[in-house]
Amino acid sequence: MSVSFDGLGLSPELADTMTRLTSVGATLARIIARNGLEGNLAEAAGTNAGGDGQKALDVIADEAFMDALRDGAVRYYASEEQDDVVDFETGTLALAIDPLDGSSNIDVNVSIGTIFSIFPKAEGPDESFLRPGTEQIAGGYIIFGPQTALVVSFGKGVQQWVLEPGTDIWTRVADPKPLPPETSEYAINASNYRHWPQPIRAFIDDMVAGAEGPRGRNFNMRWIASLVAETHRIISRGGVFLYPGDDREGYERGRLRHVYECAPIALLITQLGGGATDGADPILNALPDRLHARTPFVFGSSTKVARVAAYHDLPHDESHALFNSRGLFRS
């Protein structure tokens, strides 16, 4: 395995853990590239702890990361695919992971990925993960797309490595630039509009209104349904992503997991000068109450994230001018 984290001031334990993660990433990249040639990676394989359907690749990825990390510096392993924290019995670190993000896109050849978060271990398994995201010592993702890349923060900026095709060699490339404070792109699943809370509807209505609306400019909507892919686009060129809670049963707190999805993405985004909230309050300051806790998630260019939060600060009733005026979507 050829990857170097020299010059970043990492402890030997953290550097070793990152080397193990990238080794599995290179293996998964080869497996994913052969989807359909030796089996169907999108084949159903049960249900995970959060009640979501698992694909074959979800299970393959989870087992691969567990095997690679078991005899290293990670004591506690918390995965989307496991009901409870796995205790490896030795080690100084706690690692939370979504082994395969974007499962619904496996069979349509859209970018998918792995999201991870690393903490110093605490007294016990629960205490190691139910803590503010500000205590992360590393967070990032591996994206499997036209290019396989690692994007990670160790708390001082964001770095990026690219996997050279057909090899196990990861080469560091130019670090991502700070996010532009303004943006012309937003990502949200507009099919759920009728279920959203009023502040989210109002924010989207204003952008859909374009140059004739209160924002005075036109916007483009994007939606990939892969958090890694959405994040990579925003890191590459700016934008804002919204996955709010809504009034459907089971969606009151959205669908994204705080510990192993939102906290590491929030670390990356804030390190690049962007914002990351639950719609109103910073994600990194929040305390999840259980391993698989969900949270609404809004992240990206700072001015847009702040505007969403400002809409949440207004009185949420139809008497308020912002919410009772008829928008393009409002009925």
C-alpha atoms as a PDB file:
ATOM      1  CA  MET A   1       0.000   0.000   0.000  1.00  0.00           C
ATOM      2  CA  SER A   2       1.538   3.312  -1.055  1.00  0.00           C
ATOM      3  CA  VAL A   3       0.211   6.335   0.791  1.00  0.00           C
ATOM      4  CA  SER A   4       1.976   8.892   2.941  1.00  0.00           C
ATOM      5  CA  PHE A   5       0.512  11.135   5.602  1.00  0.00           C
ATOM      6  CA  ASP A   6       3.919  12.571   6.474  1.00  0.00           C
ATOM      7  CA  GLY A   7       4.129  16.236   7.331  1.00  0.00           C
ATOM      8  CA  LEU A   8       0.606  16.433   8.747  1.00  0.00           C
ATOM      9  CA  GLY A   9       1.614  15.974  12.374  1.00  0.00           C
ATOM     10  CA  LEU A  10      -0.459  12.815  12.862  1.00  0.00           C
ATOM     11  CA  SER A  11       0.122  10.410  15.706  1.00  0.00           C
ATOM     12  CA  PRO A  12       1.417   6.968  14.656  1.00  0.00           C
ATOM     13  CA  GLU A  13      -1.967   5.490  15.638  1.00  0.00           C
ATOM     14  CA  LEU A  14      -3.946   7.900  13.479  1.00  0.00           C
ATOM     15  CA  ALA A  15      -1.547   7.558  10.531  1.00  0.00           C
ATOM     16  CA  ASP A  16      -1.800   3.760  10.716  1.00  0.00           C
ATOM     17  CA  THR A  17      -5.591   3.912  10.845  1.00  0.00           C
ATOM     18  CA  MET A  18      -5.701   6.168   7.793  1.00  0.00           C
ATOM     19  CA  THR A  19      -3.384   3.783   5.927  1.00  0.00           C
ATOM     20  CA  ARG A  20      -5.734   0.892   6.710  1.00  0.00           C
ATOM     21  CA  LEU A  21      -8.772   2.880   5.580  1.00  0.00           C
ATOM     22  CA  THR A  22      -7.160   3.812   2.263  1.00  0.00           C
ATOM     23  CA  SER A  23      -6.019   0.220   1.712  1.00  0.00           C
ATOM     24  CA  VAL A  24      -9.624  -0.965   1.945  1.00  0.00           C
ATOM     25  CA  GLY A  25     -10.654   1.969  -0.246  1.00  0.00           C
ATOM     26  CA  ALA A  26      -8.327   0.799  -3.011  1.00  0.00           C
ATOM     27  CA  THR A  27      -9.712  -2.739  -2.739  1.00  0.00           C
ATOM     28  CA  LEU A  28     -13.316  -1.515  -2.871  1.00  0.00           C
ATOM     29  CA  ALA A  29     -12.538   0.644  -5.914  1.00  0.00           C
ATOM     30  CA  ARG A  30     -11.518  -2.496  -7.810  1.00  0.00           C
ATOM     31  CA  ILE A  31     -14.562  -4.441  -6.624  1.00  0.00           C
ATOM     32  CA  ILE A  32     -16.918  -1.621  -7.605  1.00  0.00           C
ATOM     33  CA  ALA A  33     -15.320  -1.279 -11.039  1.00  0.00           C
ATOM     34  CA  ARG A  34     -16.135  -4.957 -11.679  1.00  0.00           C
ATOM     35  CA  ASN A  35     -19.796  -4.734 -10.642  1.00  0.00           C
ATOM     36  CA  GLY A  36     -21.857  -7.000 -12.876  1.00  0.00           C
ATOM     37  CA  LEU A  37     -18.839  -8.978 -14.078  1.00  0.00           C
ATOM     38  CA  GLU A  38     -18.608 -11.217 -11.024  1.00  0.00           C
ATOM     39  CA  GLY A  39     -21.922 -10.597  -9.285  1.00  0.00           C
ATOM     40  CA  ASN A  40     -24.513  -7.934  -8.550  1.00  0.00           C
ATOM     41  CA  LEU A  41     -23.291  -5.546  -5.839  1.00  0.00           C
ATOM     42  CA  ALA A  42     -26.729  -3.892  -5.704  1.00  0.00           C
ATOM     43  CA  GLU A  43     -28.477  -7.121  -4.742  1.00  0.00           C
ATOM     44  CA  ALA A  44     -30.591  -6.876  -1.586  1.00  0.00           C
ATOM     45  CA  ALA A  45     -28.848  -8.240   1.516  1.00  0.00           C
ATOM     46  CA  GLY A  46     -31.157  -7.507   4.450  1.00  0.00           C
ATOM     47  CA  THR A  47     -31.842  -4.476   6.638  1.00  0.00           C
ATOM     48  CA  ASN A  48     -29.401  -2.477   8.741  1.00  0.00           C
ATOM     49  CA  ALA A  49     -29.709  -1.086  12.261  1.00  0.00           C
ATOM     50  CA  GLY A  50     -31.493   2.023  11.046  1.00  0.00           C
ATOM     51  CA  GLY A  51     -34.144   0.085   9.148  1.00  0.00           C
ATOM     52  CA  ASP A  52     -32.719   0.838   5.702  1.00  0.00           C
ATOM     53  CA  GLY A  53     -32.328  -1.890   3.110  1.00  0.00           C
ATOM     54  CA  GLN A  54     -28.806  -3.216   2.725  1.00  0.00           C
ATOM     55  CA  LYS A  55     -27.135  -4.031  -0.570  1.00  0.00           C
ATOM     56  CA  ALA A  56     -24.478  -6.690  -1.058  1.00  0.00           C
ATOM     57  CA  LEU A  57     -21.818  -3.974  -1.316  1.00  0.00           C
ATOM     58  CA  ASP A  58     -22.871  -2.496   2.055  1.00  0.00           C
ATOM     59  CA  VAL A  59     -22.063  -5.805   3.721  1.00  0.00           C
ATOM     60  CA  ILE A  60     -18.856  -6.366   1.733  1.00  0.00           C
ATOM     61  CA  ALA A  61     -17.563  -2.899   2.644  1.00  0.00           C
ATOM     62  CA  ASP A  62     -18.450  -3.211   6.334  1.00  0.00           C
ATOM     63  CA  GLU A  63     -16.714  -6.580   6.650  1.00  0.00           C
ATOM     64  CA  ALA A  64     -13.640  -5.306   4.797  1.00  0.00           C
ATOM     65  CA  PHE A  65     -13.219  -2.285   7.075  1.00  0.00           C
ATOM     66  CA  MET A  66     -13.785  -4.365  10.209  1.00  0.00           C
ATOM     67  CA  ASP A  67     -11.169  -6.914   9.152  1.00  0.00           C
ATOM     68  CA  ALA A  68      -8.631  -4.209   8.284  1.00  0.00           C
ATOM     69  CA  LEU A  69      -9.069  -2.237  11.507  1.00  0.00           C
ATOM     70  CA  ARG A  70      -9.455  -5.061  14.000  1.00  0.00           C
ATOM     71  CA  ASP A  71      -5.786  -5.459  15.015  1.00  0.00           C
ATOM     72  CA  GLY A  72      -4.790  -1.791  14.811  1.00  0.00           C
ATOM     73  CA  ALA A  73      -5.251   1.368  16.848  1.00  0.00           C
ATOM     74  CA  VAL A  74      -9.064   1.366  16.744  1.00  0.00           C
ATOM     75  CA  ARG A  75     -10.685   0.150  19.969  1.00  0.00           C
ATOM     76  CA  TYR A  76     -14.313   0.976  19.150  1.00  0.00           C
ATOM     77  CA  TYR A  77     -15.863   0.513  15.704  1.00  0.00           C
ATOM     78  CA  ALA A  78     -19.315   2.032  15.074  1.00  0.00           C
ATOM     79  CA  SER A  79     -20.884   1.274  11.705  1.00  0.00           C
ATOM     80  CA  GLU A  80     -24.178   2.041  10.014  1.00  0.00           C
ATOM     81  CA  GLU A  81     -24.380  -1.681   9.287  1.00  0.00           C
ATOM     82  CA  GLN A  82     -23.980  -2.785  12.926  1.00  0.00           C
ATOM     83  CA  ASP A  83     -26.624  -2.512  15.637  1.00  0.00           C
ATOM     84  CA  ASP A  84     -24.104  -1.714  18.354  1.00  0.00           C
ATOM     85  CA  VAL A  85     -20.519  -0.558  18.749  1.00  0.00           C
ATOM     86  CA  VAL A  86     -17.997  -3.341  18.098  1.00  0.00           C
ATOM     87  CA  ASP A  87     -15.240  -3.532  20.720  1.00  0.00           C
ATOM     88  CA  PHE A  88     -11.881  -4.676  19.305  1.00  0.00           C
ATOM     89  CA  GLU A  89     -10.610  -4.771  22.925  1.00  0.00           C
ATOM     90  CA  THR A  90      -7.332  -2.913  22.310  1.00  0.00           C
ATOM     91  CA  GLY A  91      -6.495   0.457  20.795  1.00  0.00           C
ATOM     92  CA  THR A  92      -6.743   4.158  21.559  1.00  0.00           C
ATOM     93  CA  LEU A  93      -9.178   5.382  18.888  1.00  0.00           C
ATOM     94  CA  ALA A  94     -12.908   5.241  18.167  1.00  0.00           C
ATOM     95  CA  LEU A  95     -13.967   5.120  14.521  1.00  0.00           C
ATOM     96  CA  ALA A  96     -17.502   5.700  13.201  1.00  0.00           C
ATOM     97  CA  ILE A  97     -18.200   4.796   9.589  1.00  0.00           C
ATOM     98  CA  ASP A  98     -20.782   4.581   6.872  1.00  0.00           C
ATOM     99  CA  PRO A  99     -18.973   1.866   4.911  1.00  0.00           C
ATOM    100  CA  LEU A 100     -20.929   2.428   1.727  1.00  0.00           C
ATOM    101  CA  ASP A 101     -22.864   5.672   1.291  1.00  0.00           C
ATOM    102  CA  GLY A 102     -25.290   5.982  -1.626  1.00  0.00           C
ATOM    103  CA  SER A 103     -26.377   2.360  -1.913  1.00  0.00           C
ATOM    104  CA  SER A 104     -29.338   3.240  -4.119  1.00  0.00           C
ATOM    105  CA  ASN A 105     -26.894   4.407  -6.782  1.00  0.00           C
ATOM    106  CA  ILE A 106     -24.772   1.247  -7.013  1.00  0.00           C
ATOM    107  CA  ASP A 107     -26.632  -0.214  -9.973  1.00  0.00           C
ATOM    108  CA  VAL A 108     -26.838   3.064 -11.946  1.00  0.00           C
ATOM    109  CA  ASN A 109     -23.079   3.778 -11.902  1.00  0.00           C
ATOM    110  CA  VAL A 110     -23.339   7.030  -9.939  1.00  0.00           C
ATOM    111  CA  SER A 111     -20.647   8.066  -7.449  1.00  0.00           C
ATOM    112  CA  ILE A 112     -20.862   6.341  -4.059  1.00  0.00           C
ATOM    113  CA  GLY A 113     -18.476   6.405  -1.130  1.00  0.00           C
ATOM    114  CA  THR A 114     -17.333   5.772   2.428  1.00  0.00           C
ATOM    115  CA  ILE A 115     -17.714   8.363   5.216  1.00  0.00           C
ATOM    116  CA  PHE A 116     -15.692   8.121   8.428  1.00  0.00           C
ATOM    117  CA  SER A 117     -15.144   9.962  11.698  1.00  0.00           C
ATOM    118  CA  ILE A 118     -12.345   9.358  14.218  1.00  0.00           C
ATOM    119  CA  PHE A 119     -12.235  10.304  17.911  1.00  0.00           C
ATOM    120  CA  PRO A 120      -9.856   9.495  20.739  1.00  0.00           C
ATOM    121  CA  LYS A 121     -11.582   6.686  22.622  1.00  0.00           C
ATOM    122  CA  ALA A 122     -13.409   7.660  25.796  1.00  0.00           C
ATOM    123  CA  GLU A 123     -14.307   5.615  28.879  1.00  0.00           C
ATOM    124  CA  GLY A 124     -16.680   3.317  27.075  1.00  0.00           C
ATOM    125  CA  PRO A 125     -18.181   2.652  23.647  1.00  0.00           C
ATOM    126  CA  ASP A 126     -21.168   4.981  23.971  1.00  0.00           C
ATOM    127  CA  GLU A 127     -19.140   7.823  25.455  1.00  0.00           C
ATOM    128  CA  SER A 128     -16.671   7.513  22.579  1.00  0.00           C
ATOM    129  CA  PHE A 129     -19.283   8.532  20.004  1.00  0.00           C
ATOM    130  CA  LEU A 130     -22.053  10.461  21.779  1.00  0.00           C
ATOM    131  CA  ARG A 131     -20.025  13.671  21.939  1.00  0.00           C
ATOM    132  CA  PRO A 132     -19.703  16.944  20.049  1.00  0.00           C
ATOM    133  CA  GLY A 133     -18.256  16.742  16.546  1.00  0.00           C
ATOM    134  CA  THR A 134     -15.730  19.374  17.577  1.00  0.00           C
ATOM    135  CA  GLU A 135     -13.877  16.540  19.350  1.00  0.00           C
ATOM    136  CA  GLN A 136     -13.169  14.649  16.122  1.00  0.00           C
ATOM    137  CA  ILE A 137      -9.475  14.255  15.342  1.00  0.00           C
ATOM    138  CA  ALA A 138     -10.244  13.262  11.747  1.00  0.00           C
ATOM    139  CA  GLY A 139     -13.221  13.128   9.435  1.00  0.00           C
ATOM    140  CA  GLY A 140     -13.667  12.610   5.738  1.00  0.00           C
ATOM    141  CA  TYR A 141     -14.733  10.369   2.904  1.00  0.00           C
ATOM    142  CA  ILE A 142     -13.546   8.193   0.056  1.00  0.00           C
ATOM    143  CA  ILE A 143     -15.494   8.727  -3.146  1.00  0.00           C
ATOM    144  CA  PHE A 144     -15.773   6.020  -5.804  1.00  0.00           C
ATOM    145  CA  GLY A 145     -16.628   7.619  -9.122  1.00  0.00           C
ATOM    146  CA  PRO A 146     -14.853   8.390 -12.391  1.00  0.00           C
ATOM    147  CA  GLN A 147     -11.992   9.075  -9.986  1.00  0.00           C
ATOM    148  CA  THR A 148     -11.433   7.484  -6.574  1.00  0.00           C
ATOM    149  CA  ALA A 149     -10.404  10.168  -4.095  1.00  0.00           C
ATOM    150  CA  LEU A 150      -9.860  10.639  -0.375  1.00  0.00           C
ATOM    151  CA  VAL A 151     -10.922  13.967   1.157  1.00  0.00           C
ATOM    152  CA  VAL A 152     -10.071  14.359   4.837  1.00  0.00           C
ATOM    153  CA  SER A 153      -9.531  16.879   7.583  1.00  0.00           C
ATOM    154  CA  PHE A 154      -7.376  16.387  10.658  1.00  0.00           C
ATOM    155  CA  GLY A 155      -8.618  19.639  12.138  1.00  0.00           C
ATOM    156  CA  LYS A 156      -6.288  21.982  10.261  1.00  0.00           C
ATOM    157  CA  GLY A 157      -7.571  22.428   6.733  1.00  0.00           C
ATOM    158  CA  VAL A 158      -8.693  19.797   4.221  1.00  0.00           C
ATOM    159  CA  GLN A 159      -6.474  17.544   2.138  1.00  0.00           C
ATOM    160  CA  GLN A 160      -7.171  15.431  -0.941  1.00  0.00           C
ATOM    161  CA  TRP A 161      -5.565  12.313  -2.383  1.00  0.00           C
ATOM    162  CA  VAL A 162      -6.390  10.529  -5.666  1.00  0.00           C
ATOM    163  CA  LEU A 163      -6.015   6.791  -6.250  1.00  0.00           C
ATOM    164  CA  GLU A 164      -3.990   6.048  -9.372  1.00  0.00           C
ATOM    165  CA  PRO A 165      -6.135   3.685 -11.504  1.00  0.00           C
ATOM    166  CA  GLY A 166      -5.224   0.026 -11.339  1.00  0.00           C
ATOM    167  CA  THR A 167      -2.828   0.513  -8.406  1.00  0.00           C
ATOM    168  CA  ASP A 168      -2.791   0.917  -4.628  1.00  0.00           C
ATOM    169  CA  ILE A 169      -1.002   4.255  -4.947  1.00  0.00           C
ATOM    170  CA  TRP A 170      -2.658   7.350  -3.491  1.00  0.00           C
ATOM    171  CA  THR A 171      -1.166  10.648  -4.646  1.00  0.00           C
ATOM    172  CA  ARG A 172      -1.795  13.896  -2.842  1.00  0.00           C
ATOM    173  CA  VAL A 173      -3.216  16.563  -5.131  1.00  0.00           C
ATOM    174  CA  ALA A 174      -4.120  20.219  -4.643  1.00  0.00           C
ATOM    175  CA  ASP A 175      -6.064  20.833  -1.451  1.00  0.00           C
ATOM    176  CA  PRO A 176      -9.689  21.957  -1.845  1.00  0.00           C
ATOM    177  CA  LYS A 177     -10.128  25.718  -1.887  1.00  0.00           C
ATOM    178  CA  PRO A 178     -12.305  27.582   0.638  1.00  0.00           C
ATOM    179  CA  LEU A 179     -15.977  27.488  -0.292  1.00  0.00           C
ATOM    180  CA  PRO A 180     -17.289  30.610  -1.997  1.00  0.00           C
ATOM    181  CA  PRO A 181     -19.671  32.397   0.393  1.00  0.00           C
ATOM    182  CA  GLU A 182     -22.284  32.750  -2.355  1.00  0.00           C
ATOM    183  CA  THR A 183     -23.539  30.047  -4.703  1.00  0.00           C
ATOM    184  CA  SER A 184     -25.889  29.470  -7.626  1.00  0.00           C
ATOM    185  CA  GLU A 185     -26.569  25.779  -6.903  1.00  0.00           C
ATOM    186  CA  TYR A 186     -28.663  24.042  -4.287  1.00  0.00           C
ATOM    187  CA  ALA A 187     -29.409  20.374  -3.675  1.00  0.00           C
ATOM    188  CA  ILE A 188     -32.663  19.079  -2.233  1.00  0.00           C
ATOM    189  CA  ASN A 189     -35.205  16.376  -3.043  1.00  0.00           C
ATOM    190  CA  ALA A 190     -37.990  18.641  -4.299  1.00  0.00           C
ATOM    191  CA  SER A 191     -40.485  15.760  -4.481  1.00  0.00           C
ATOM    192  CA  ASN A 192     -40.911  16.122  -0.708  1.00  0.00           C
ATOM    193  CA  TYR A 193     -41.839  19.809  -0.871  1.00  0.00           C
ATOM    194  CA  ARG A 194     -45.343  19.286   0.536  1.00  0.00           C
ATOM    195  CA  HIS A 195     -43.866  17.672   3.657  1.00  0.00           C
ATOM    196  CA  TRP A 196     -41.228  20.308   4.490  1.00  0.00           C
ATOM    197  CA  PRO A 197     -41.500  22.814   7.340  1.00  0.00           C
ATOM    198  CA  GLN A 198     -42.326  26.388   6.358  1.00  0.00           C
ATOM    199  CA  PRO A 199     -38.787  27.820   6.629  1.00  0.00           C
ATOM    200  CA  ILE A 200     -37.448  25.284   4.118  1.00  0.00           C
ATOM    201  CA  ARG A 201     -40.347  25.902   1.725  1.00  0.00           C
ATOM    202  CA  ALA A 202     -39.796  29.643   1.910  1.00  0.00           C
ATOM    203  CA  PHE A 203     -36.055  29.314   1.278  1.00  0.00           C
ATOM    204  CA  ILE A 204     -36.598  27.092  -1.770  1.00  0.00           C
ATOM    205  CA  ASP A 205     -39.453  29.269  -3.089  1.00  0.00           C
ATOM    206  CA  ASP A 206     -37.154  32.280  -3.021  1.00  0.00           C
ATOM    207  CA  MET A 207     -34.525  30.468  -5.088  1.00  0.00           C
ATOM    208  CA  VAL A 208     -37.016  28.970  -7.529  1.00  0.00           C
ATOM    209  CA  ALA A 209     -38.342  32.506  -8.129  1.00  0.00           C
ATOM    210  CA  GLY A 210     -34.910  33.291  -9.594  1.00  0.00           C
ATOM    211  CA  ALA A 211     -34.041  36.722 -10.951  1.00  0.00           C
ATOM    212  CA  GLU A 212     -37.636  37.907 -10.454  1.00  0.00           C
ATOM    213  CA  GLY A 213     -37.669  36.846  -6.793  1.00  0.00           C
ATOM    214  CA  PRO A 214     -36.180  38.312  -3.614  1.00  0.00           C
ATOM    215  CA  ARG A 215     -32.739  36.837  -4.278  1.00  0.00           C
ATOM    216  CA  GLY A 216     -32.508  38.642  -7.626  1.00  0.00           C
ATOM    217  CA  ARG A 217     -30.615  35.859  -9.403  1.00  0.00           C
ATOM    218  CA  ASN A 218     -31.204  32.473 -11.015  1.00  0.00           C
ATOM    219  CA  PHE A 219     -30.263  29.189  -9.357  1.00  0.00           C
ATOM    220  CA  ASN A 220     -29.779  25.586 -10.490  1.00  0.00           C
ATOM    221  CA  MET A 221     -31.031  22.588  -8.516  1.00  0.00           C
ATOM    222  CA  ARG A 222     -29.003  19.397  -8.125  1.00  0.00           C
ATOM    223  CA  TRP A 223     -29.923  16.115  -6.439  1.00  0.00           C
ATOM    224  CA  ILE A 224     -27.852  12.911  -6.574  1.00  0.00           C
ATOM    225  CA  ALA A 225     -29.107  11.042  -3.475  1.00  0.00           C
ATOM    226  CA  SER A 226     -25.532  10.184  -2.487  1.00  0.00           C
ATOM    227  CA  LEU A 227     -24.203  12.300   0.389  1.00  0.00           C
ATOM    228  CA  VAL A 228     -20.590  11.740  -0.645  1.00  0.00           C
ATOM    229  CA  ALA A 229     -21.293  12.840  -4.214  1.00  0.00           C
ATOM    230  CA  GLU A 230     -23.250  15.895  -3.043  1.00  0.00           C
ATOM    231  CA  THR A 231     -20.419  16.860  -0.693  1.00  0.00           C
ATOM    232  CA  HIS A 232     -17.731  16.390  -3.322  1.00  0.00           C
ATOM    233  CA  ARG A 233     -19.583  18.674  -5.730  1.00  0.00           C
ATOM    234  CA  ILE A 234     -20.016  21.370  -3.090  1.00  0.00           C
ATOM    235  CA  ILE A 235     -16.372  21.130  -2.028  1.00  0.00           C
ATOM    236  CA  SER A 236     -15.338  21.374  -5.676  1.00  0.00           C
ATOM    237  CA  ARG A 237     -17.456  24.370  -6.689  1.00  0.00           C
ATOM    238  CA  GLY A 238     -19.671  25.565  -3.881  1.00  0.00           C
ATOM    239  CA  GLY A 239     -23.375  25.139  -3.291  1.00  0.00           C
ATOM    240  CA  VAL A 240     -25.769  24.275  -0.497  1.00  0.00           C
ATOM    241  CA  PHE A 241     -27.312  20.912   0.435  1.00  0.00           C
ATOM    242  CA  LEU A 242     -30.547  20.501   2.390  1.00  0.00           C
ATOM    243  CA  TYR A 243     -32.040  17.351   3.897  1.00  0.00           C
ATOM    244  CA  PRO A 244     -34.615  18.706   6.363  1.00  0.00           C
ATOM    245  CA  GLY A 245     -36.833  16.836   8.721  1.00  0.00           C
ATOM    246  CA  ASP A 246     -40.443  16.734   7.549  1.00  0.00           C
ATOM    247  CA  ASP A 247     -43.926  15.656   8.583  1.00  0.00           C
ATOM    248  CA  ARG A 248     -43.750  12.071   7.277  1.00  0.00           C
ATOM    249  CA  GLU A 249     -43.611   9.294   9.849  1.00  0.00           C
ATOM    250  CA  GLY A 250     -39.984   8.403  10.474  1.00  0.00           C
ATOM    251  CA  TYR A 251     -38.674  11.573   8.818  1.00  0.00           C
ATOM    252  CA  GLU A 252     -39.196  14.011  11.674  1.00  0.00           C
ATOM    253  CA  ARG A 253     -35.418  14.227  12.105  1.00  0.00           C
ATOM    254  CA  GLY A 254     -34.554  13.622   8.488  1.00  0.00           C
ATOM    255  CA  ARG A 255     -32.782  10.426   7.423  1.00  0.00           C
ATOM    256  CA  LEU A 256     -29.082  11.197   7.743  1.00  0.00           C
ATOM    257  CA  ARG A 257     -27.148   9.863  10.732  1.00  0.00           C
ATOM    258  CA  HIS A 258     -25.476  12.381  12.977  1.00  0.00           C
ATOM    259  CA  VAL A 259     -22.452  10.391  14.156  1.00  0.00           C
ATOM    260  CA  TYR A 260     -21.057   8.778  11.031  1.00  0.00           C
ATOM    261  CA  GLU A 261     -22.491  10.919   8.229  1.00  0.00           C
ATOM    262  CA  CYS A 262     -23.217  14.489   9.280  1.00  0.00           C
ATOM    263  CA  ALA A 263     -20.477  15.146  11.848  1.00  0.00           C
ATOM    264  CA  PRO A 264     -17.540  14.246   9.535  1.00  0.00           C
ATOM    265  CA  ILE A 265     -19.054  16.135   6.593  1.00  0.00           C
ATOM    266  CA  ALA A 266     -19.644  19.132   8.873  1.00  0.00           C
ATOM    267  CA  LEU A 267     -15.975  19.020   9.905  1.00  0.00           C
ATOM    268  CA  LEU A 268     -14.845  19.183   6.261  1.00  0.00           C
ATOM    269  CA  ILE A 269     -17.257  21.957   5.323  1.00  0.00           C
ATOM    270  CA  THR A 270     -16.474  24.188   8.293  1.00  0.00           C
ATOM    271  CA  GLN A 271     -12.745  23.713   7.739  1.00  0.00           C
ATOM    272  CA  LEU A 272     -13.345  25.165   4.261  1.00  0.00           C
ATOM    273  CA  GLY A 273     -15.164  28.199   5.640  1.00  0.00           C
ATOM    274  CA  GLY A 274     -18.677  26.915   5.015  1.00  0.00           C
ATOM    275  CA  GLY A 275     -21.582  26.280   7.367  1.00  0.00           C
ATOM    276  CA  ALA A 276     -23.174  23.055   8.602  1.00  0.00           C
ATOM    277  CA  THR A 277     -26.334  23.057  10.721  1.00  0.00           C
ATOM    278  CA  ASP A 278     -29.480  21.088  11.459  1.00  0.00           C
ATOM    279  CA  GLY A 279     -31.278  23.959   9.766  1.00  0.00           C
ATOM    280  CA  ALA A 280     -30.825  26.247  12.753  1.00  0.00           C
ATOM    281  CA  ASP A 281     -27.943  25.178  15.009  1.00  0.00           C
ATOM    282  CA  PRO A 282     -24.375  24.045  14.223  1.00  0.00           C
ATOM    283  CA  ILE A 283     -24.030  20.286  13.780  1.00  0.00           C
ATOM    284  CA  LEU A 284     -20.573  20.163  15.357  1.00  0.00           C
ATOM    285  CA  ASN A 285     -21.885  21.520  18.676  1.00  0.00           C
ATOM    286  CA  ALA A 286     -24.802  19.096  18.928  1.00  0.00           C
ATOM    287  CA  LEU A 287     -24.860  16.006  21.141  1.00  0.00           C
ATOM    288  CA  PRO A 288     -26.375  12.885  19.530  1.00  0.00           C
ATOM    289  CA  ASP A 289     -28.415  10.849  22.002  1.00  0.00           C
ATOM    290  CA  ARG A 290     -27.760   7.442  20.436  1.00  0.00           C
ATOM    291  CA  LEU A 291     -25.416   5.826  17.943  1.00  0.00           C
ATOM    292  CA  HIS A 292     -27.821   5.823  15.000  1.00  0.00           C
ATOM    293  CA  ALA A 293     -29.479   9.169  15.802  1.00  0.00           C
ATOM    294  CA  ARG A 294     -30.696  11.113  12.776  1.00  0.00           C
ATOM    295  CA  THR A 295     -30.548  14.838  12.221  1.00  0.00           C
ATOM    296  CA  PRO A 296     -31.755  17.360   9.644  1.00  0.00           C
ATOM    297  CA  PHE A 297     -28.727  18.580   7.718  1.00  0.00           C
ATOM    298  CA  VAL A 298     -27.977  21.806   5.849  1.00  0.00           C
ATOM    299  CA  PHE A 299     -24.427  22.500   4.704  1.00  0.00           C
ATOM    300  CA  GLY A 300     -22.419  24.407   2.140  1.00  0.00           C
ATOM    301  CA  SER A 301     -21.721  28.038   1.293  1.00  0.00           C
ATOM    302  CA  SER A 302     -21.931  30.115   4.435  1.00  0.00           C
ATOM    303  CA  THR A 303     -24.427  32.778   3.357  1.00  0.00           C
ATOM    304  CA  LYS A 304     -27.001  30.219   2.222  1.00  0.00           C
ATOM    305  CA  VAL A 305     -26.673  28.125   5.374  1.00  0.00           C
ATOM    306  CA  ALA A 306     -27.028  31.278   7.480  1.00  0.00           C
ATOM    307  CA  ARG A 307     -30.134  32.314   5.523  1.00  0.00           C
ATOM    308  CA  VAL A 308     -31.806  28.967   6.187  1.00  0.00           C
ATOM    309  CA  ALA A 309     -31.062  29.421   9.889  1.00  0.00           C
ATOM    310  CA  ALA A 310     -32.506  32.945   9.778  1.00  0.00           C
ATOM    311  CA  TYR A 311     -35.742  31.600   8.254  1.00  0.00           C
ATOM    312  CA  HIS A 312     -35.967  29.123  11.149  1.00  0.00           C
ATOM    313  CA  ASP A 313     -35.645  31.996  13.625  1.00  0.00           C
ATOM    314  CA  LEU A 314     -38.855  33.623  12.348  1.00  0.00           C
ATOM    315  CA  PRO A 315     -42.268  32.802  13.856  1.00  0.00           C
ATOM    316  CA  HIS A 316     -43.508  29.692  12.033  1.00  0.00           C
ATOM    317  CA  ASP A 317     -47.100  30.662  11.403  1.00  0.00           C
ATOM    318  CA  GLU A 318     -49.040  31.723   8.366  1.00  0.00           C
ATOM    319  CA  SER A 319     -49.461  35.249   9.736  1.00  0.00           C
ATOM    320  CA  HIS A 320     -45.811  36.027   9.065  1.00  0.00           C
ATOM    321  CA  ALA A 321     -45.339  37.781   5.721  1.00  0.00           C
ATOM    322  CA  LEU A 322     -42.579  35.418   4.596  1.00  0.00           C
ATOM    323  CA  PHE A 323     -44.754  32.359   5.074  1.00  0.00           C
ATOM    324  CA  ASN A 324     -48.139  33.561   3.966  1.00  0.00           C
ATOM    325  CA  SER A 325     -47.137  35.105   0.620  1.00  0.00           C
ATOM    326  CA  ARG A 326     -47.828  32.787  -2.280  1.00  0.00           C
ATOM    327  CA  GLY A 327     -44.650  31.331  -3.793  1.00  0.00           C
ATOM    328  CA  LEU A 328     -44.160  29.273  -6.949  1.00  0.00           C
ATOM    329  CA  PHE A 329     -44.590  26.043  -5.002  1.00  0.00           C
ATOM    330  CA  ARG A 330     -46.854  27.263  -2.218  1.00  0.00           C
ATOM    331  CA  SER A 331     -50.518  26.485  -2.283  1.00  0.00           C
END
